[in-house]
PDB file of N, CA and C in Angstrom:
ATOM      1  N   MET A   1    -127.082  -2.738 -43.356  1.00  0.00           N
ATOM      2  CA  MET A   1    -126.691  -1.866 -44.502  1.00  0.00           C
ATOM      3  C   MET A   1    -127.449  -1.856 -45.641  1.00  0.00           C
ATOM      4  N   GLY A   2    -128.051  -0.286 -45.638  1.00  0.00           N
ATOM      5  CA  GLY A   2    -129.205  -0.089 -46.246  1.00  0.00           C
ATOM      6  C   GLY A   2    -129.014  -0.181 -47.985  1.00  0.00           C
ATOM      7  N   MET A   3    -129.660  -0.020 -48.870  1.00  0.00           N
ATOM      8  CA  MET A   3    -129.570  -0.007 -50.633  1.00  0.00           C
ATOM      9  C   MET A   3    -128.801   1.118 -50.584  1.00  0.00           C
ATOM     10  N   ILE A   4    -128.943   2.338 -50.157  1.00  0.00           N
ATOM     11  CA  ILE A   4    -128.128   3.590 -50.398  1.00  0.00           C
ATOM     12  C   ILE A   4    -126.786   3.542 -49.837  1.00  0.00           C
ATOM     13  N   ASP A   5    -126.353   2.510 -49.146  1.00  0.00           N
ATOM     14  CA  ASP A   5    -125.006   2.257 -48.387  1.00  0.00           C
ATOM     15  C   ASP A   5    -124.225   1.475 -49.363  1.00  0.00           C
ATOM     16  N   ILE A   6    -124.780   0.669 -49.808  1.00  0.00           N
ATOM     17  CA  ILE A   6    -124.615  -0.552 -50.577  1.00  0.00           C
ATOM     18  C   ILE A   6    -123.984   0.152 -51.912  1.00  0.00           C
ATOM     19  N   VAL A   7    -124.869   1.351 -52.601  1.00  0.00           N
ATOM     20  CA  VAL A   7    -124.519   1.704 -53.544  1.00  0.00           C
ATOM     21  C   VAL A   7    -123.321   2.819 -53.689  1.00  0.00           C
ATOM     22  N   LYS A   8    -123.216   3.472 -52.638  1.00  0.00           N
ATOM     23  CA  LYS A   8    -121.928   4.187 -52.096  1.00  0.00           C
ATOM     24  C   LYS A   8    -120.752   3.494 -52.388  1.00  0.00           C
ATOM     25  N   LYS A   9    -120.750   2.429 -51.465  1.00  0.00           N
ATOM     26  CA  LYS A   9    -119.687   1.462 -51.282  1.00  0.00           C
ATOM     27  C   LYS A   9    -119.292   1.099 -52.659  1.00  0.00           C
ATOM     28  N   ALA A  10    -119.989   0.506 -53.416  1.00  0.00           N
ATOM     29  CA  ALA A  10    -119.643  -0.023 -55.020  1.00  0.00           C
ATOM     30  C   ALA A  10    -118.923   1.253 -55.765  1.00  0.00           C
ATOM     31  N   GLY A  11    -119.376   2.580 -55.228  1.00  0.00           N
ATOM     32  CA  GLY A  11    -118.789   3.291 -56.435  1.00  0.00           C
ATOM     33  C   GLY A  11    -117.674   3.951 -55.625  1.00  0.00           C
ATOM     34  N   VAL A  12    -117.771   3.728 -54.461  1.00  0.00           N
ATOM     35  CA  VAL A  12    -116.143   4.098 -53.824  1.00  0.00           C
ATOM     36  C   VAL A  12    -115.225   2.825 -54.392  1.00  0.00           C
ATOM     37  N   ASP A  13    -115.556   1.442 -54.261  1.00  0.00           N
ATOM     38  CA  ASP A  13    -114.933   0.687 -54.479  1.00  0.00           C
ATOM     39  C   ASP A  13    -114.376   0.598 -56.513  1.00  0.00           C
ATOM     40  N   ALA A  14    -115.211   1.269 -56.929  1.00  0.00           N
ATOM     41  CA  ALA A  14    -115.220   1.293 -58.579  1.00  0.00           C
ATOM     42  C   ALA A  14    -114.134   2.032 -58.495  1.00  0.00           C
ATOM     43  N   VAL A  15    -114.158   3.612 -58.315  1.00  0.00           N
ATOM     44  CA  VAL A  15    -113.051   4.465 -58.387  1.00  0.00           C
ATOM     45  C   VAL A  15    -111.755   3.926 -58.023  1.00  0.00           C
ATOM     46  N   GLY A  16    -111.841   3.075 -56.744  1.00  0.00           N
ATOM     47  CA  GLY A  16    -110.456   2.698 -56.233  1.00  0.00           C
ATOM     48  C   GLY A  16    -109.937   1.845 -57.100  1.00  0.00           C
ATOM     49  N   ALA A  17    -110.618   1.188 -57.986  1.00  0.00           N
ATOM     50  CA  ALA A  17    -110.366  -0.030 -58.818  1.00  0.00           C
ATOM     51  C   ALA A  17    -109.943   0.701 -60.153  1.00  0.00           C
ATOM     52  N   GLY A  18    -109.965   1.737 -60.501  1.00  0.00           N
ATOM     53  CA  GLY A  18    -109.933   2.489 -61.608  1.00  0.00           C
ATOM     54  C   GLY A  18    -108.493   2.472 -61.557  1.00  0.00           C
ATOM     55  N   ASN A  19    -107.473   2.960 -60.231  1.00  0.00           N
ATOM     56  CA  ASN A  19    -106.315   3.689 -60.284  1.00  0.00           C
ATOM     57  C   ASN A  19    -105.548   2.591 -58.783  1.00  0.00           C
ATOM     58  N   PRO A  20    -105.726   1.372 -59.165  1.00  0.00           N
ATOM     59  CA  PRO A  20    -104.939   0.587 -58.085  1.00  0.00           C
ATOM     60  C   PRO A  20    -103.962   0.999 -57.475  1.00  0.00           C
ATOM     61  N   VAL A  21    -102.564   1.066 -58.121  1.00  0.00           N
ATOM     62  CA  VAL A  21    -101.856   1.412 -57.790  1.00  0.00           C
ATOM     63  C   VAL A  21    -101.099   2.586 -58.571  1.00  0.00           C
ATOM     64  N   ASN A  22     -99.790   3.407 -58.210  1.00  0.00           N
ATOM     65  CA  ASN A  22     -99.338   4.805 -58.684  1.00  0.00           C
ATOM     66  C   ASN A  22     -97.874   4.508 -58.178  1.00  0.00           C
ATOM     67  N   ILE A  23     -96.731   4.523 -59.306  1.00  0.00           N
ATOM     68  CA  ILE A  23     -95.688   4.697 -59.239  1.00  0.00           C
ATOM     69  C   ILE A  23     -94.993   6.013 -59.082  1.00  0.00           C
ATOM     70  N   ILE A  24     -94.454   6.415 -57.919  1.00  0.00           N
ATOM     71  CA  ILE A  24     -93.799   7.885 -58.067  1.00  0.00           C
ATOM     72  C   ILE A  24     -92.476   7.941 -57.453  1.00  0.00           C
ATOM     73  N   PHE A  25     -91.748   9.210 -57.768  1.00  0.00           N
ATOM     74  CA  PHE A  25     -90.360   9.629 -57.105  1.00  0.00           C
ATOM     75  C   PHE A  25     -90.529  10.376 -55.875  1.00  0.00           C
ATOM     76  N   GLY A  26     -89.490  10.125 -54.976  1.00  0.00           N
ATOM     77  CA  GLY A  26     -89.527  11.069 -53.792  1.00  0.00           C
ATOM     78  C   GLY A  26     -88.150  11.452 -53.796  1.00  0.00           C
ATOM     79  N   GLU A  27     -88.200  12.342 -52.666  1.00  0.00           N
ATOM     80  CA  GLU A  27     -86.440  12.612 -51.884  1.00  0.00           C
ATOM     81  C   GLU A  27     -86.527  12.789 -50.490  1.00  0.00           C
ATOM     82  N   ILE A  28     -85.482  11.852 -49.757  1.00  0.00           N
ATOM     83  CA  ILE A  28     -85.623  12.248 -48.412  1.00  0.00           C
ATOM     84  C   ILE A  28     -85.157  13.375 -48.337  1.00  0.00           C
ATOM     85  N   LEU A  29     -86.018  14.010 -47.259  1.00  0.00           N
ATOM     86  CA  LEU A  29     -85.377  15.463 -46.860  1.00  0.00           C
ATOM     87  C   LEU A  29     -85.115  15.134 -44.964  1.00  0.00           C
ATOM     88  N   SER A  30     -85.654  14.268 -44.577  1.00  0.00           N
ATOM     89  CA  SER A  30     -85.074  14.081 -43.389  1.00  0.00           C
ATOM     90  C   SER A  30     -85.114  12.919 -42.700  1.00  0.00           C
ATOM     91  N   ILE A  31     -84.364  12.087 -42.146  1.00  0.00           N
ATOM     92  CA  ILE A  31     -84.100  10.614 -41.906  1.00  0.00           C
ATOM     93  C   ILE A  31     -84.605  10.759 -40.461  1.00  0.00           C
ATOM     94  N   GLU A  32     -84.145  11.444 -39.266  1.00  0.00           N
ATOM     95  CA  GLU A  32     -84.460  11.492 -38.314  1.00  0.00           C
ATOM     96  C   GLU A  32     -86.102  11.253 -37.918  1.00  0.00           C
ATOM     97  N   ASP A  33     -86.502  12.340 -38.382  1.00  0.00           N
ATOM     98  CA  ASP A  33     -88.109  11.713 -38.278  1.00  0.00           C
ATOM     99  C   ASP A  33     -88.930  12.191 -39.960  1.00  0.00           C
ATOM    100  N   LEU A  34     -88.374  10.767 -40.282  1.00  0.00           N
ATOM    101  CA  LEU A  34     -88.386  10.527 -41.818  1.00  0.00           C
ATOM    102  C   LEU A  34     -89.452  11.311 -42.653  1.00  0.00           C
ATOM    103  N   LYS A  35     -88.869  12.037 -43.248  1.00  0.00           N
ATOM    104  CA  LYS A  35     -89.876  12.992 -44.367  1.00  0.00           C
ATOM    105  C   LYS A  35     -89.403  12.994 -45.776  1.00  0.00           C
ATOM    106  N   ILE A  36     -90.502  12.705 -46.507  1.00  0.00           N
ATOM    107  CA  ILE A  36     -89.956  12.902 -48.223  1.00  0.00           C
ATOM    108  C   ILE A  36     -91.086  13.569 -48.779  1.00  0.00           C
ATOM    109  N   LYS A  37     -89.807  14.302 -49.905  1.00  0.00           N
ATOM    110  CA  LYS A  37     -90.847  14.927 -50.850  1.00  0.00           C
ATOM    111  C   LYS A  37     -91.441  14.403 -52.046  1.00  0.00           C
ATOM    112  N   ILE A  38     -92.632  14.519 -52.046  1.00  0.00           N
ATOM    113  CA  ILE A  38     -93.288  14.023 -53.319  1.00  0.00           C
ATOM    114  C   ILE A  38     -92.946  14.658 -54.234  1.00  0.00           C
ATOM    115  N   ASP A  39     -93.268  16.179 -54.124  1.00  0.00           N
ATOM    116  CA  ASP A  39     -93.324  17.118 -55.038  1.00  0.00           C
ATOM    117  C   ASP A  39     -93.197  18.714 -54.096  1.00  0.00           C
ATOM    118  N   GLN A  40     -93.498  19.584 -55.207  1.00  0.00           N
ATOM    119  CA  GLN A  40     -92.880  20.731 -54.517  1.00  0.00           C
ATOM    120  C   GLN A  40     -93.964  21.145 -53.584  1.00  0.00           C
ATOM    121  N   LYS A  41     -95.145  20.546 -53.454  1.00  0.00           N
ATOM    122  CA  LYS A  41     -95.892  21.238 -52.505  1.00  0.00           C
ATOM    123  C   LYS A  41     -96.243  20.027 -51.336  1.00  0.00           C
ATOM    124  N   LEU A  42     -95.988  19.174 -51.636  1.00  0.00           N
ATOM    125  CA  LEU A  42     -96.398  17.572 -50.741  1.00  0.00           C
ATOM    126  C   LEU A  42     -94.999  16.769 -50.241  1.00  0.00           C
ATOM    127  N   ILE A  43     -94.753  16.854 -48.700  1.00  0.00           N
ATOM    128  CA  ILE A  43     -93.652  16.488 -47.964  1.00  0.00           C
ATOM    129  C   ILE A  43     -94.966  15.603 -46.970  1.00  0.00           C
ATOM    130  N   LEU A  44     -94.255  14.374 -46.999  1.00  0.00           N
ATOM    131  CA  LEU A  44     -95.020  13.362 -45.961  1.00  0.00           C
ATOM    132  C   LEU A  44     -94.263  12.664 -44.826  1.00  0.00           C
ATOM    133  N   PRO A  45     -95.088  12.881 -43.752  1.00  0.00           N
ATOM    134  CA  PRO A  45     -94.001  12.264 -42.570  1.00  0.00           C
ATOM    135  C   PRO A  45     -94.029  10.836 -42.763  1.00  0.00           C
ATOM    136  N   GLN A  46     -93.553   9.999 -41.753  1.00  0.00           N
ATOM    137  CA  GLN A  46     -93.156   8.828 -41.633  1.00  0.00           C
ATOM    138  C   GLN A  46     -94.336   7.571 -41.579  1.00  0.00           C
ATOM    139  N   GLU A  47     -95.623   8.267 -40.962  1.00  0.00           N
ATOM    140  CA  GLU A  47     -96.412   7.404 -40.871  1.00  0.00           C
ATOM    141  C   GLU A  47     -97.168   7.136 -41.844  1.00  0.00           C
ATOM    142  N   PHE A  48     -96.581   7.541 -43.169  1.00  0.00           N
ATOM    143  CA  PHE A  48     -97.575   7.136 -44.583  1.00  0.00           C
ATOM    144  C   PHE A  48     -96.243   6.234 -45.371  1.00  0.00           C
ATOM    145  N   PHE A  49     -95.181   6.025 -44.874  1.00  0.00           N
ATOM    146  CA  PHE A  49     -94.445   4.914 -45.375  1.00  0.00           C
ATOM    147  C   PHE A  49     -94.475   3.333 -44.761  1.00  0.00           C
ATOM    148  N   ILE A  50     -94.006   2.554 -45.702  1.00  0.00           N
ATOM    149  CA  ILE A  50     -93.767   1.195 -45.224  1.00  0.00           C
ATOM    150  C   ILE A  50     -92.190   0.944 -45.693  1.00  0.00           C
ATOM    151  N   ILE A  51     -91.735   0.619 -44.748  1.00  0.00           N
ATOM    152  CA  ILE A  51     -90.024   0.723 -45.434  1.00  0.00           C
ATOM    153  C   ILE A  51     -89.272  -0.689 -45.192  1.00  0.00           C
ATOM    154  N   PRO A  52     -89.436  -1.315 -45.981  1.00  0.00           N
ATOM    155  CA  PRO A  52     -88.688  -2.585 -46.317  1.00  0.00           C
ATOM    156  C   PRO A  52     -87.568  -3.045 -45.460  1.00  0.00           C
ATOM    157  N   GLU A  53     -86.996  -4.033 -45.281  1.00  0.00           N
ATOM    158  CA  GLU A  53     -86.123  -4.083 -44.321  1.00  0.00           C
ATOM    159  C   GLU A  53     -84.703  -3.940 -44.972  1.00  0.00           C
ATOM    160  N   ASN A  54     -84.635  -4.156 -46.210  1.00  0.00           N
ATOM    161  CA  ASN A  54     -83.308  -3.826 -47.266  1.00  0.00           C
ATOM    162  C   ASN A  54     -83.192  -2.383 -47.216  1.00  0.00           C
ATOM    163  N   LEU A  55     -83.826  -1.737 -46.875  1.00  0.00           N
ATOM    164  CA  LEU A  55     -83.461  -0.029 -46.744  1.00  0.00           C
ATOM    165  C   LEU A  55     -83.272   0.251 -45.421  1.00  0.00           C
ATOM    166  N   THR A  56     -83.127  -0.283 -44.383  1.00  0.00           N
ATOM    167  CA  THR A  56     -82.820  -0.210 -42.866  1.00  0.00           C
ATOM    168  C   THR A  56     -81.176  -0.185 -43.051  1.00  0.00           C
ATOM    169  N   ARG A  57     -80.772   0.596 -41.928  1.00  0.00           N
ATOM    170  CA  ARG A  57     -79.496   0.370 -41.992  1.00  0.00           C
ATOM    171  C   ARG A  57     -79.023  -1.054 -41.171  1.00  0.00           C
ATOM    172  N   TYR A  58     -77.946  -1.699 -41.472  1.00  0.00           N
ATOM    173  CA  TYR A  58     -77.914  -2.991 -40.849  1.00  0.00           C
ATOM    174  C   TYR A  58     -76.067  -2.748 -40.696  1.00  0.00           C
ATOM    175  N   GLU A  59     -75.519  -3.258 -39.391  1.00  0.00           N
ATOM    176  CA  GLU A  59     -74.269  -3.281 -39.143  1.00  0.00           C
ATOM    177  C   GLU A  59     -74.066  -4.695 -38.157  1.00  0.00           C
ATOM    178  N   ILE A  60     -72.989  -5.158 -38.407  1.00  0.00           N
ATOM    179  CA  ILE A  60     -72.207  -5.773 -37.444  1.00  0.00           C
ATOM    180  C   ILE A  60     -71.321  -5.635 -36.458  1.00  0.00           C
ATOM    181  N   ASP A  61     -71.566  -6.067 -35.480  1.00  0.00           N
ATOM    182  CA  ASP A  61     -70.453  -5.699 -34.551  1.00  0.00           C
ATOM    183  C   ASP A  61     -69.393  -7.002 -34.322  1.00  0.00           C
ATOM    184  N   LEU A  62     -68.076  -6.814 -34.657  1.00  0.00           N
ATOM    185  CA  LEU A  62     -66.974  -7.875 -34.848  1.00  0.00           C
ATOM    186  C   LEU A  62     -65.841  -7.644 -33.649  1.00  0.00           C
ATOM    187  N   SER A  63     -66.377  -6.969 -32.773  1.00  0.00           N
ATOM    188  CA  SER A  63     -65.541  -6.774 -31.572  1.00  0.00           C
ATOM    189  C   SER A  63     -64.835  -8.099 -30.855  1.00  0.00           C
ATOM    190  N   HIS A  64     -63.552  -8.159 -30.870  1.00  0.00           N
ATOM    191  CA  HIS A  64     -63.107  -9.848 -30.734  1.00  0.00           C
ATOM    192  C   HIS A  64     -61.334  -9.425 -30.126  1.00  0.00           C
ATOM    193  N   SER A  65     -61.192 -10.177 -28.790  1.00  0.00           N
ATOM    194  CA  SER A  65     -59.817 -10.000 -28.700  1.00  0.00           C
ATOM    195  C   SER A  65     -58.762 -11.327 -28.633  1.00  0.00           C
ATOM    196  N   HIS A  66     -57.783 -10.967 -28.653  1.00  0.00           N
ATOM    197  CA  HIS A  66     -56.564 -11.486 -28.922  1.00  0.00           C
ATOM    198  C   HIS A  66     -55.627 -12.089 -27.912  1.00  0.00           C
ATOM    199  N   ASN A  67     -55.616 -13.154 -27.670  1.00  0.00           N
ATOM    200  CA  ASN A  67     -54.552 -13.232 -26.380  1.00  0.00           C
ATOM    201  C   ASN A  67     -53.480 -13.980 -26.959  1.00  0.00           C
ATOM    202  N   TYR A  68     -52.142 -13.188 -26.343  1.00  0.00           N
ATOM    203  CA  TYR A  68     -50.982 -13.601 -26.810  1.00  0.00           C
ATOM    204  C   TYR A  68     -50.220 -14.796 -26.150  1.00  0.00           C
ATOM    205  N   SER A  69     -49.060 -15.467 -27.022  1.00  0.00           N
ATOM    206  CA  SER A  69     -48.491 -16.276 -25.892  1.00  0.00           C
ATOM    207  C   SER A  69     -47.646 -15.461 -24.600  1.00  0.00           C
ATOM    208  N   ASN A  70     -47.446 -14.163 -24.897  1.00  0.00           N
ATOM    209  CA  ASN A  70     -46.552 -13.681 -24.048  1.00  0.00           C
ATOM    210  C   ASN A  70     -47.381 -12.899 -22.835  1.00  0.00           C
ATOM    211  N   GLY A  71     -49.077 -13.527 -22.951  1.00  0.00           N
ATOM    212  CA  GLY A  71     -49.560 -12.992 -22.257  1.00  0.00           C
ATOM    213  C   GLY A  71     -50.413 -11.504 -22.059  1.00  0.00           C
ATOM    214  N   SER A  72     -49.864 -10.946 -23.327  1.00  0.00           N
ATOM    215  CA  SER A  72     -50.577  -9.645 -23.585  1.00  0.00           C
ATOM    216  C   SER A  72     -51.990  -9.916 -24.295  1.00  0.00           C
ATOM    217  N   THR A  73     -52.611  -8.908 -24.343  1.00  0.00           N
ATOM    218  CA  THR A  73     -54.170  -9.231 -24.994  1.00  0.00           C
ATOM    219  C   THR A  73     -54.239  -7.931 -25.550  1.00  0.00           C
ATOM    220  N   SER A  74     -54.612  -7.669 -26.980  1.00  0.00           N
ATOM    221  CA  SER A  74     -55.424  -6.647 -27.634  1.00  0.00           C
ATOM    222  C   SER A  74     -56.487  -6.839 -27.915  1.00  0.00           C
ATOM    223  N   LYS A  75     -57.336  -5.935 -27.698  1.00  0.00           N
ATOM    224  CA  LYS A  75     -59.090  -5.848 -28.172  1.00  0.00           C
ATOM    225  C   LYS A  75     -59.085  -5.221 -29.915  1.00  0.00           C
ATOM    226  N   GLU A  76     -59.917  -5.709 -30.523  1.00  0.00           N
ATOM    227  CA  GLU A  76     -60.084  -4.840 -31.914  1.00  0.00           C
ATOM    228  C   GLU A  76     -61.785  -4.914 -31.672  1.00  0.00           C
ATOM    229  N   LEU A  77     -62.051  -3.480 -32.065  1.00  0.00           N
ATOM    230  CA  LEU A  77     -63.349  -3.008 -31.988  1.00  0.00           C
ATOM    231  C   LEU A  77     -63.353  -2.614 -33.638  1.00  0.00           C
ATOM    232  N   ASN A  78     -64.349  -3.654 -34.221  1.00  0.00           N
ATOM    233  CA  ASN A  78     -64.673  -3.095 -35.345  1.00  0.00           C
ATOM    234  C   ASN A  78     -66.212  -3.498 -35.549  1.00  0.00           C
ATOM    235  N   LYS A  79     -66.909  -2.401 -36.219  1.00  0.00           N
ATOM    236  CA  LYS A  79     -68.065  -2.637 -37.059  1.00  0.00           C
ATOM    237  C   LYS A  79     -68.075  -2.772 -38.309  1.00  0.00           C
ATOM    238  N   ILE A  80     -69.081  -3.633 -39.093  1.00  0.00           N
ATOM    239  CA  ILE A  80     -69.053  -3.500 -40.551  1.00  0.00           C
ATOM    240  C   ILE A  80     -70.394  -3.366 -40.890  1.00  0.00           C
ATOM    241  N   VAL A  81     -70.503  -2.303 -41.917  1.00  0.00           N
ATOM    242  CA  VAL A  81     -71.697  -1.832 -42.271  1.00  0.00           C
ATOM    243  C   VAL A  81     -72.070  -2.741 -43.627  1.00  0.00           C
ATOM    244  N   ILE A  82     -73.458  -3.672 -43.352  1.00  0.00           N
ATOM    245  CA  ILE A  82     -73.435  -4.301 -44.310  1.00  0.00           C
ATOM    246  C   ILE A  82     -74.846  -3.606 -45.268  1.00  0.00           C
ATOM    247  N   ARG A  83     -75.346  -2.907 -44.634  1.00  0.00           N
ATOM    248  CA  ARG A  83     -76.564  -1.750 -45.514  1.00  0.00           C
ATOM    249  C   ARG A  83     -76.873  -0.318 -44.956  1.00  0.00           C
ATOM    250  N   GLU A  84     -76.470   0.618 -45.667  1.00  0.00           N
ATOM    251  CA  GLU A  84     -76.098   1.946 -44.867  1.00  0.00           C
ATOM    252  C   GLU A  84     -77.542   2.172 -44.857  1.00  0.00           C
ATOM    253  N   GLY A  85     -78.828   1.777 -45.613  1.00  0.00           N
ATOM    254  CA  GLY A  85     -80.141   2.373 -45.230  1.00  0.00           C
ATOM    255  C   GLY A  85     -80.316   3.730 -46.163  1.00  0.00           C
ATOM    256  N   LEU A  86     -81.434   4.160 -45.553  1.00  0.00           N
ATOM    257  CA  LEU A  86     -81.598   5.418 -46.208  1.00  0.00           C
ATOM    258  C   LEU A  86     -80.873   6.768 -45.789  1.00  0.00           C
ATOM    259  N   LYS A  87     -80.480   7.565 -46.631  1.00  0.00           N
ATOM    260  CA  LYS A  87     -79.754   8.877 -45.898  1.00  0.00           C
ATOM    261  C   LYS A  87     -80.561   9.963 -46.407  1.00  0.00           C
ATOM    262  N   GLN A  88     -80.379  11.295 -46.347  1.00  0.00           N
ATOM    263  CA  GLN A  88     -80.865  12.591 -46.640  1.00  0.00           C
ATOM    264  C   GLN A  88     -80.455  12.749 -47.900  1.00  0.00           C
ATOM    265  N   GLY A  89     -81.420  13.062 -48.525  1.00  0.00           N
ATOM    266  CA  GLY A  89     -80.955  13.578 -50.208  1.00  0.00           C
ATOM    267  C   GLY A  89     -80.994  12.339 -50.950  1.00  0.00           C
ATOM    268  N   ASP A  90     -81.195  10.897 -50.400  1.00  0.00           N
ATOM    269  CA  ASP A  90     -81.620  10.043 -51.644  1.00  0.00           C
ATOM    270  C   ASP A  90     -82.497  10.047 -52.546  1.00  0.00           C
ATOM    271  N   LYS A  91     -82.740   9.809 -53.436  1.00  0.00           N
ATOM    272  CA  LYS A  91     -84.032   9.638 -54.417  1.00  0.00           C
ATOM    273  C   LYS A  91     -84.389   8.054 -54.179  1.00  0.00           C
ATOM    274  N   VAL A  92     -86.057   7.981 -54.081  1.00  0.00           N
ATOM    275  CA  VAL A  92     -86.384   7.116 -53.937  1.00  0.00           C
ATOM    276  C   VAL A  92     -87.846   6.371 -54.702  1.00  0.00           C
ATOM    277  N   LEU A  93     -87.984   5.526 -54.978  1.00  0.00           N
ATOM    278  CA  LEU A  93     -88.949   4.814 -55.658  1.00  0.00           C
ATOM    279  C   LEU A  93     -90.181   4.245 -54.745  1.00  0.00           C
ATOM    280  N   LEU A  94     -91.471   5.112 -55.004  1.00  0.00           N
ATOM    281  CA  LEU A  94     -92.744   4.836 -54.058  1.00  0.00           C
ATOM    282  C   LEU A  94     -93.913   4.167 -54.841  1.00  0.00           C
ATOM    283  N   LEU A  95     -94.173   3.320 -54.165  1.00  0.00           N
ATOM    284  CA  LEU A  95     -95.247   2.936 -54.583  1.00  0.00           C
ATOM    285  C   LEU A  95     -96.668   3.055 -53.787  1.00  0.00           C
ATOM    286  N   ARG A  96     -97.533   3.527 -54.399  1.00  0.00           N
ATOM    287  CA  ARG A  96     -98.445   4.139 -53.442  1.00  0.00           C
ATOM    288  C   ARG A  96     -99.652   3.064 -53.581  1.00  0.00           C
ATOM    289  N   VAL A  97    -100.031   2.650 -52.044  1.00  0.00           N
ATOM    290  CA  VAL A  97    -100.994   1.507 -51.398  1.00  0.00           C
ATOM    291  C   VAL A  97    -101.980   2.307 -51.896  1.00  0.00           C
ATOM    292  N   GLN A  98    -103.197   1.400 -52.910  1.00  0.00           N
ATOM    293  CA  GLN A  98    -104.478   1.630 -53.207  1.00  0.00           C
ATOM    294  C   GLN A  98    -105.285   2.872 -52.060  1.00  0.00           C
ATOM    295  N   GLY A  99    -105.732   3.501 -52.472  1.00  0.00           N
ATOM    296  CA  GLY A  99    -106.662   4.622 -51.505  1.00  0.00           C
ATOM    297  C   GLY A  99    -105.835   5.739 -51.240  1.00  0.00           C
ATOM    298  N   GLY A 100    -104.280   5.823 -51.627  1.00  0.00           N
ATOM    299  CA  GLY A 100    -103.450   6.796 -51.074  1.00  0.00           C
ATOM    300  C   GLY A 100    -102.921   7.262 -49.914  1.00  0.00           C
ATOM    301  N   GLN A 101    -103.235   6.385 -48.879  1.00  0.00           N
ATOM    302  CA  GLN A 101    -102.983   6.541 -47.671  1.00  0.00           C
ATOM    303  C   GLN A 101    -101.678   6.218 -47.231  1.00  0.00           C
ATOM    304  N   GLN A 102    -101.075   5.087 -47.727  1.00  0.00           N
ATOM    305  CA  GLN A 102     -99.629   4.612 -47.405  1.00  0.00           C
ATOM    306  C   GLN A 102     -98.808   4.358 -48.764  1.00  0.00           C
ATOM    307  N   TYR A 103     -97.367   4.436 -48.722  1.00  0.00           N
ATOM    308  CA  TYR A 103     -96.515   4.457 -49.793  1.00  0.00           C
ATOM    309  C   TYR A 103     -95.346   3.261 -49.449  1.00  0.00           C
ATOM    310  N   VAL A 104     -95.290   2.518 -50.261  1.00  0.00           N
ATOM    311  CA  VAL A 104     -94.549   1.555 -50.168  1.00  0.00           C
ATOM    312  C   VAL A 104     -93.050   1.901 -50.796  1.00  0.00           C
ATOM    313  N   ILE A 105     -91.943   2.058 -49.633  1.00  0.00           N
ATOM    314  CA  ILE A 105     -90.728   2.583 -50.241  1.00  0.00           C
ATOM    315  C   ILE A 105     -90.073   1.181 -50.980  1.00  0.00           C
ATOM    316  N   LEU A 106     -90.130   1.285 -52.419  1.00  0.00           N
ATOM    317  CA  LEU A 106     -89.233   0.404 -53.052  1.00  0.00           C
ATOM    318  C   LEU A 106     -88.199   0.076 -53.534  1.00  0.00           C
ATOM    319  N   ASP A 107     -87.359   1.308 -53.352  1.00  0.00           N
ATOM    320  CA  ASP A 107     -85.885   1.258 -53.463  1.00  0.00           C
ATOM    321  C   ASP A 107     -85.288   2.431 -53.835  1.00  0.00           C
ATOM    322  N   LYS A 108     -84.015   2.300 -53.611  1.00  0.00           N
ATOM    323  CA  LYS A 108     -83.319   3.956 -54.157  1.00  0.00           C
ATOM    324  C   LYS A 108     -83.119   3.784 -55.576  1.00  0.00           C
ATOM    325  N   VAL A 109     -83.292   5.147 -56.094  1.00  0.00           N
ATOM    326  CA  VAL A 109     -82.885   5.363 -57.241  1.00  0.00           C
ATOM    327  C   VAL A 109     -81.599   6.014 -57.454  1.00  0.00           C
ATOM    328  N   VAL A 110     -80.769   5.253 -58.520  1.00  0.00           N
ATOM    329  CA  VAL A 110     -79.343   5.731 -58.473  1.00  0.00           C
ATOM    330  C   VAL A 110     -79.166   6.378 -59.924  1.00  0.00           C
TER     331      VAL A 110
END
């Protein structure tokens, strides 16, 4: 690496260090192909986002059956939703990762 490349890299690193993080708000436009609107002109696709586990849908299947003394059986099919996950229209708090190429979805805003 030549001296010019070292100076260029130092300049880029200095600019990046001047604004290491940025907290912004967004709105979920679509869940199927995750799209989040950052402002009126900027809509970003799923590739830009890091989604923590606590913002994903989580449900438990509690299907079970009962055997009664008269020989009959009943089946219960129940799912319990533990976390709804993100939905269209949700407002989210975003943390821009240094460099601006990815955003961490911190949480929903209520």
